[in-house]
Structures are given as C-alpha cells and as structure tokens.
Amino acid sequence: MHQLQSVSKWHHPSHAISIGSLVLITNEALPPCKWQLARVIKLHPGKDGLTWVVDLKTAQSTLTRPLTNLVVLPASSENKD
C-alpha cells in the first residue's frame, strides 16, 4: 500500500490520473485497510494546466479532494478476449 502512495518528483508522475481512475482516499485517523474507495468523475486543472483537485464518487456521496490526499490504484492492462 505504501509503495502506491510513494512521493514522485513533479516531473516524473508514477500514475496519471484521469476520469474513471480508481483511488483510495487517505485518512490519517484510519489504517490503510479502512480508507475509502472512490472513482474520479471530474478533473479541476489549475492555472498551470496540471490537475491538483478532483471530484470523486464514493459509495455514499460525491466529494472534492486534492490529489495529495489520494492514492491512484493501477489499472489492469489485461485484455479479456
């Protein structure tokens, strides 16, 4: 879990976030196994053109969160034929 949340240099993003990305919402008050799962529904790019804030859809609600509080889960590259 901690490897997915590792800090990357700003010029080498580890996982690009996009609409439909699956993420975990970090919470310092909870252990990682209790973090909420959500899907990205909207990107909010800043003046620099980079996305810093996103809208998320959880099982219970819609939230707006900064990327610093998210762990982007890697997408499966398997093709189901």
N, C-alpha and C. Protein backbone atom coordinates (compact mmCIF):
# COMPACT_ATOMS: atom_id res chain seq x y z
N MET A 1 0.83 -1.19 0.00
CA MET A 1 0.00 0.00 0.00
C MET A 1 0.88 1.25 0.00
N HIS A 2 1.93 1.25 0.80
CA HIS A 2 2.77 2.43 0.90
C HIS A 2 3.57 2.68 -0.39
N GLN A 3 3.83 1.63 -1.16
CA GLN A 3 4.54 1.81 -2.42
C GLN A 3 3.69 2.58 -3.42
N LEU A 4 2.37 2.40 -3.38
CA LEU A 4 1.48 3.12 -4.30
C LEU A 4 1.40 4.59 -3.94
N GLN A 5 1.61 4.91 -2.66
CA GLN A 5 1.49 6.29 -2.20
C GLN A 5 2.84 7.01 -2.21
N SER A 6 3.89 6.34 -2.65
CA SER A 6 5.20 6.96 -2.61
C SER A 6 5.22 8.28 -3.38
N VAL A 7 5.98 9.21 -2.88
CA VAL A 7 6.06 10.55 -3.47
C VAL A 7 6.96 10.49 -4.70
N SER A 8 6.46 11.01 -5.80
CA SER A 8 7.28 11.05 -7.01
C SER A 8 7.67 12.49 -7.29
N LYS A 9 8.72 12.66 -8.04
CA LYS A 9 9.12 14.00 -8.44
C LYS A 9 8.04 14.59 -9.32
N TRP A 10 7.89 15.89 -9.29
CA TRP A 10 6.82 16.56 -10.03
C TRP A 10 6.97 16.40 -11.54
N HIS A 11 8.15 16.06 -12.02
CA HIS A 11 8.34 15.90 -13.45
C HIS A 11 8.33 14.43 -13.89
N HIS A 12 8.10 13.51 -12.96
CA HIS A 12 8.00 12.09 -13.27
C HIS A 12 6.80 11.48 -12.55
N PRO A 13 5.58 11.75 -13.02
CA PRO A 13 4.42 11.17 -12.32
C PRO A 13 4.41 9.66 -12.46
N SER A 14 4.06 8.95 -11.38
CA SER A 14 4.05 7.50 -11.41
C SER A 14 2.78 6.96 -12.06
N HIS A 15 1.64 7.55 -11.75
CA HIS A 15 0.37 7.12 -12.33
C HIS A 15 -0.41 8.38 -12.71
N ALA A 16 -0.71 8.52 -13.97
CA ALA A 16 -1.50 9.67 -14.40
C ALA A 16 -2.95 9.45 -13.97
N ILE A 17 -3.57 10.48 -13.44
CA ILE A 17 -4.96 10.37 -13.02
C ILE A 17 -5.85 10.85 -14.15
N SER A 18 -6.96 10.18 -14.34
CA SER A 18 -7.90 10.56 -15.39
C SER A 18 -9.30 10.25 -14.92
N ILE A 19 -10.28 10.72 -15.66
CA ILE A 19 -11.66 10.42 -15.32
C ILE A 19 -11.85 8.90 -15.40
N GLY A 20 -12.44 8.34 -14.38
CA GLY A 20 -12.64 6.90 -14.31
C GLY A 20 -11.59 6.19 -13.48
N SER A 21 -10.51 6.88 -13.10
CA SER A 21 -9.47 6.26 -12.28
C SER A 21 -10.03 5.85 -10.93
N LEU A 22 -9.58 4.72 -10.43
CA LEU A 22 -9.97 4.24 -9.11
C LEU A 22 -8.92 4.70 -8.11
N VAL A 23 -9.36 5.28 -6.99
CA VAL A 23 -8.44 5.83 -6.00
C VAL A 23 -8.85 5.43 -4.59
N LEU A 24 -7.90 5.51 -3.68
CA LEU A 24 -8.17 5.41 -2.25
C LEU A 24 -8.03 6.80 -1.66
N ILE A 25 -8.94 7.19 -0.78
CA ILE A 25 -8.88 8.48 -0.11
C ILE A 25 -8.17 8.28 1.22
N THR A 26 -6.98 8.86 1.36
CA THR A 26 -6.20 8.66 2.58
C THR A 26 -6.83 9.39 3.75
N ASN A 27 -6.63 8.81 4.93
CA ASN A 27 -7.16 9.39 6.16
C ASN A 27 -6.20 9.01 7.28
N GLU A 28 -5.52 9.99 7.86
CA GLU A 28 -4.53 9.71 8.89
C GLU A 28 -5.14 9.09 10.14
N ALA A 29 -6.43 9.27 10.34
CA ALA A 29 -7.09 8.73 11.53
C ALA A 29 -7.45 7.25 11.38
N LEU A 30 -7.32 6.71 10.17
CA LEU A 30 -7.68 5.32 9.91
C LEU A 30 -6.50 4.54 9.36
N PRO A 31 -6.48 3.22 9.60
CA PRO A 31 -5.45 2.40 8.97
C PRO A 31 -5.74 2.29 7.47
N PRO A 32 -4.73 2.04 6.64
CA PRO A 32 -4.93 1.98 5.18
C PRO A 32 -6.02 1.01 4.73
N CYS A 33 -6.23 -0.08 5.45
CA CYS A 33 -7.26 -1.04 5.04
C CYS A 33 -8.68 -0.48 5.21
N LYS A 34 -8.82 0.65 5.89
CA LYS A 34 -10.13 1.28 6.10
C LYS A 34 -10.35 2.52 5.22
N TRP A 35 -9.38 2.86 4.37
CA TRP A 35 -9.52 4.03 3.51
C TRP A 35 -10.65 3.81 2.51
N GLN A 36 -11.35 4.89 2.19
CA GLN A 36 -12.49 4.84 1.29
C GLN A 36 -12.06 4.69 -0.16
N LEU A 37 -12.79 3.87 -0.90
CA LEU A 37 -12.56 3.66 -2.32
C LEU A 37 -13.46 4.62 -3.10
N ALA A 38 -12.93 5.22 -4.16
CA ALA A 38 -13.72 6.18 -4.95
C ALA A 38 -13.28 6.14 -6.41
N ARG A 39 -14.13 6.70 -7.27
CA ARG A 39 -13.82 6.82 -8.69
C ARG A 39 -13.81 8.29 -9.07
N VAL A 40 -12.82 8.69 -9.88
CA VAL A 40 -12.70 10.09 -10.31
C VAL A 40 -13.78 10.37 -11.35
N ILE A 41 -14.56 11.45 -11.11
CA ILE A 41 -15.62 11.81 -12.06
C ILE A 41 -15.37 13.15 -12.75
N LYS A 42 -14.47 13.98 -12.19
CA LYS A 42 -14.17 15.27 -12.81
C LYS A 42 -12.79 15.75 -12.37
N LEU A 43 -12.03 16.33 -13.32
CA LEU A 43 -10.72 16.90 -13.04
C LEU A 43 -10.83 18.42 -12.98
N HIS A 44 -10.09 19.05 -12.08
CA HIS A 44 -10.07 20.50 -11.96
C HIS A 44 -8.63 20.99 -12.20
N PRO A 45 -8.25 21.26 -13.46
CA PRO A 45 -6.89 21.72 -13.73
C PRO A 45 -6.66 23.12 -13.19
N GLY A 46 -5.43 23.38 -12.72
CA GLY A 46 -5.07 24.69 -12.20
C GLY A 46 -4.61 25.61 -13.31
N LYS A 47 -4.14 26.79 -12.93
CA LYS A 47 -3.66 27.77 -13.90
C LYS A 47 -2.45 27.25 -14.67
N ASP A 48 -1.70 26.33 -14.06
CA ASP A 48 -0.52 25.76 -14.71
C ASP A 48 -0.86 24.62 -15.68
N GLY A 49 -2.16 24.27 -15.77
CA GLY A 49 -2.58 23.22 -16.67
C GLY A 49 -2.54 21.83 -16.06
N LEU A 50 -2.01 21.71 -14.85
CA LEU A 50 -1.94 20.42 -14.18
C LEU A 50 -3.15 20.25 -13.26
N THR A 51 -3.57 19.01 -13.10
CA THR A 51 -4.70 18.72 -12.23
C THR A 51 -4.21 18.59 -10.80
N TRP A 52 -4.83 19.37 -9.91
CA TRP A 52 -4.47 19.33 -8.49
C TRP A 52 -5.65 18.92 -7.61
N VAL A 53 -6.87 19.05 -8.15
CA VAL A 53 -8.09 18.74 -7.40
C VAL A 53 -9.02 17.94 -8.30
N VAL A 54 -9.74 16.98 -7.71
CA VAL A 54 -10.67 16.15 -8.47
C VAL A 54 -11.98 15.99 -7.71
N ASP A 55 -13.05 15.70 -8.45
CA ASP A 55 -14.32 15.30 -7.85
C ASP A 55 -14.34 13.78 -7.86
N LEU A 56 -14.82 13.21 -6.75
CA LEU A 56 -14.84 11.76 -6.58
C LEU A 56 -16.24 11.27 -6.28
N LYS A 57 -16.55 10.07 -6.72
CA LYS A 57 -17.81 9.42 -6.40
C LYS A 57 -17.50 8.22 -5.53
N THR A 58 -18.00 8.24 -4.29
CA THR A 58 -17.86 7.11 -3.38
C THR A 58 -19.18 6.36 -3.35
N ALA A 59 -19.25 5.31 -2.55
CA ALA A 59 -20.50 4.55 -2.42
C ALA A 59 -21.60 5.40 -1.80
N GLN A 60 -21.21 6.38 -0.95
CA GLN A 60 -22.21 7.17 -0.24
C GLN A 60 -22.41 8.58 -0.77
N SER A 61 -21.40 9.19 -1.39
CA SER A 61 -21.51 10.61 -1.73
C SER A 61 -20.54 11.00 -2.84
N THR A 62 -20.60 12.29 -3.19
CA THR A 62 -19.66 12.89 -4.13
C THR A 62 -18.80 13.88 -3.35
N LEU A 63 -17.48 13.82 -3.52
CA LEU A 63 -16.54 14.64 -2.77
C LEU A 63 -15.59 15.37 -3.71
N THR A 64 -15.01 16.46 -3.23
CA THR A 64 -13.93 17.15 -3.92
C THR A 64 -12.70 17.05 -3.05
N ARG A 65 -11.60 16.51 -3.60
CA ARG A 65 -10.39 16.29 -2.81
C ARG A 65 -9.15 16.66 -3.62
N PRO A 66 -8.09 17.13 -2.92
CA PRO A 66 -6.81 17.37 -3.61
C PRO A 66 -6.10 16.05 -3.89
N LEU A 67 -5.26 16.04 -4.92
CA LEU A 67 -4.53 14.82 -5.27
C LEU A 67 -3.60 14.36 -4.17
N THR A 68 -3.16 15.27 -3.32
CA THR A 68 -2.23 14.90 -2.25
C THR A 68 -2.88 13.95 -1.24
N ASN A 69 -4.21 13.88 -1.21
CA ASN A 69 -4.91 13.00 -0.28
C ASN A 69 -5.40 11.72 -0.95
N LEU A 70 -4.89 11.43 -2.14
CA LEU A 70 -5.36 10.27 -2.89
C LEU A 70 -4.22 9.33 -3.23
N VAL A 71 -4.57 8.05 -3.33
CA VAL A 71 -3.65 7.03 -3.84
C VAL A 71 -4.31 6.47 -5.09
N VAL A 72 -3.69 6.69 -6.25
CA VAL A 72 -4.24 6.19 -7.51
C VAL A 72 -3.90 4.72 -7.63
N LEU A 73 -4.92 3.90 -7.81
CA LEU A 73 -4.70 2.46 -7.95
C LEU A 73 -4.36 2.15 -9.41
N PRO A 74 -3.38 1.28 -9.64
CA PRO A 74 -3.00 0.97 -11.02
C PRO A 74 -4.13 0.23 -11.73
N ALA A 75 -4.34 0.59 -12.99
CA ALA A 75 -5.38 -0.06 -13.80
C ALA A 75 -4.84 -1.36 -14.36
N SER A 76 -5.68 -2.33 -14.49
CA SER A 76 -5.29 -3.61 -15.06
C SER A 76 -5.11 -3.45 -16.56
N SER A 77 -4.05 -4.03 -17.10
CA SER A 77 -3.81 -3.95 -18.54
C SER A 77 -4.17 -5.25 -19.24
N GLU A 78 -4.88 -6.13 -18.54
CA GLU A 78 -5.28 -7.41 -19.11
C GLU A 78 -6.40 -7.21 -20.11
N ASN A 79 -6.31 -7.90 -21.22
CA ASN A 79 -7.39 -7.90 -22.21
C ASN A 79 -8.19 -9.17 -22.04
N LYS A 80 -9.49 -9.04 -21.92
CA LYS A 80 -10.36 -10.21 -21.79
C LYS A 80 -10.93 -10.53 -23.16
N ASP A 81 -10.39 -11.57 -23.78
CA ASP A 81 -10.83 -11.96 -25.13
C ASP A 81 -11.79 -13.11 -25.05
